[in-house]
């Protein structure tokens, strides 16, 4: 299994990319700084 690092994993693109990679047999490591530019609760729910 390949391991992939996704930056911005709680954002819209990072979240969907992480889901796609995980369903295609990748081990996903996601990081995000959870800033408050967008709703932090929404970002936390995506992790």
C-alpha atoms as a PDB file:
ATOM      1  CA  UNK A   1       0.000   0.000   0.000  1.00  0.00           C
ATOM      2  CA  UNK A   2       1.382   3.406  -0.970  1.00  0.00           C
ATOM      3  CA  UNK A   3       1.348   6.254   1.539  1.00  0.00           C
ATOM      4  CA  UNK A   4       0.327   9.773   0.453  1.00  0.00           C
ATOM      5  CA  UNK A   5       0.516  13.107   2.293  1.00  0.00           C
ATOM      6  CA  UNK A   6      -2.360  15.503   1.621  1.00  0.00           C
ATOM      7  CA  UNK A   7      -1.943  19.080   2.797  1.00  0.00           C
ATOM      8  CA  UNK A   8      -5.113  21.046   3.417  1.00  0.00           C
ATOM      9  CA  UNK A   9      -6.947  17.790   4.103  1.00  0.00           C
ATOM     10  CA  UNK A  10      -9.871  19.497   5.857  1.00  0.00           C
ATOM     11  CA  UNK A  11     -10.563  21.820   2.939  1.00  0.00           C
ATOM     12  CA  UNK A  12     -12.938  21.064   0.096  1.00  0.00           C
ATOM     13  CA  UNK A  13     -10.375  19.772  -2.399  1.00  0.00           C
ATOM     14  CA  UNK A  14      -8.161  18.059   0.173  1.00  0.00           C
ATOM     15  CA  UNK A  15     -11.131  16.278   1.739  1.00  0.00           C
ATOM     16  CA  UNK A  16     -12.414  14.894  -1.544  1.00  0.00           C
ATOM     17  CA  UNK A  17      -8.921  13.991  -2.733  1.00  0.00           C
ATOM     18  CA  UNK A  18      -8.273  12.125   0.527  1.00  0.00           C
ATOM     19  CA  UNK A  19     -11.525  10.179   0.176  1.00  0.00           C
ATOM     20  CA  UNK A  20     -10.691   9.255  -3.418  1.00  0.00           C
ATOM     21  CA  UNK A  21      -7.186   8.114  -2.543  1.00  0.00           C
ATOM     22  CA  UNK A  22      -8.400   6.079   0.441  1.00  0.00           C
ATOM     23  CA  UNK A  23     -10.964   4.252  -1.689  1.00  0.00           C
ATOM     24  CA  UNK A  24      -8.188   3.438  -4.165  1.00  0.00           C
ATOM     25  CA  UNK A  25      -6.024   1.600  -1.638  1.00  0.00           C
ATOM     26  CA  UNK A  26      -3.743   4.477  -0.594  1.00  0.00           C
ATOM     27  CA  UNK A  27      -2.792   5.150   3.002  1.00  0.00           C
ATOM     28  CA  UNK A  28      -3.614   8.835   3.469  1.00  0.00           C
ATOM     29  CA  UNK A  29      -1.886  11.119   5.952  1.00  0.00           C
ATOM     30  CA  UNK A  30      -3.673  14.467   6.052  1.00  0.00           C
ATOM     31  CA  UNK A  31      -2.627  17.737   7.640  1.00  0.00           C
ATOM     32  CA  UNK A  32      -4.438  21.051   7.930  1.00  0.00           C
ATOM     33  CA  UNK A  33      -3.936  24.135  10.063  1.00  0.00           C
ATOM     34  CA  UNK A  34      -7.721  24.581  10.627  1.00  0.00           C
ATOM     35  CA  UNK A  35      -7.595  28.377  10.333  1.00  0.00           C
ATOM     36  CA  UNK A  36     -10.797  30.363  10.781  1.00  0.00           C
ATOM     37  CA  UNK A  37     -11.020  31.741   7.226  1.00  0.00           C
ATOM     38  CA  UNK A  38     -13.774  29.167   6.750  1.00  0.00           C
ATOM     39  CA  UNK A  39     -15.866  27.586   9.512  1.00  0.00           C
ATOM     40  CA  UNK A  40     -13.475  25.544  11.711  1.00  0.00           C
ATOM     41  CA  UNK A  41     -16.322  23.230  12.799  1.00  0.00           C
ATOM     42  CA  UNK A  42     -16.927  22.279   9.165  1.00  0.00           C
ATOM     43  CA  UNK A  43     -13.236  21.532   8.693  1.00  0.00           C
ATOM     44  CA  UNK A  44     -13.041  19.462  11.873  1.00  0.00           C
ATOM     45  CA  UNK A  45     -16.040  17.413  10.736  1.00  0.00           C
ATOM     46  CA  UNK A  46     -14.146  16.509   7.554  1.00  0.00           C
ATOM     47  CA  UNK A  47     -11.204  14.998   9.410  1.00  0.00           C
END
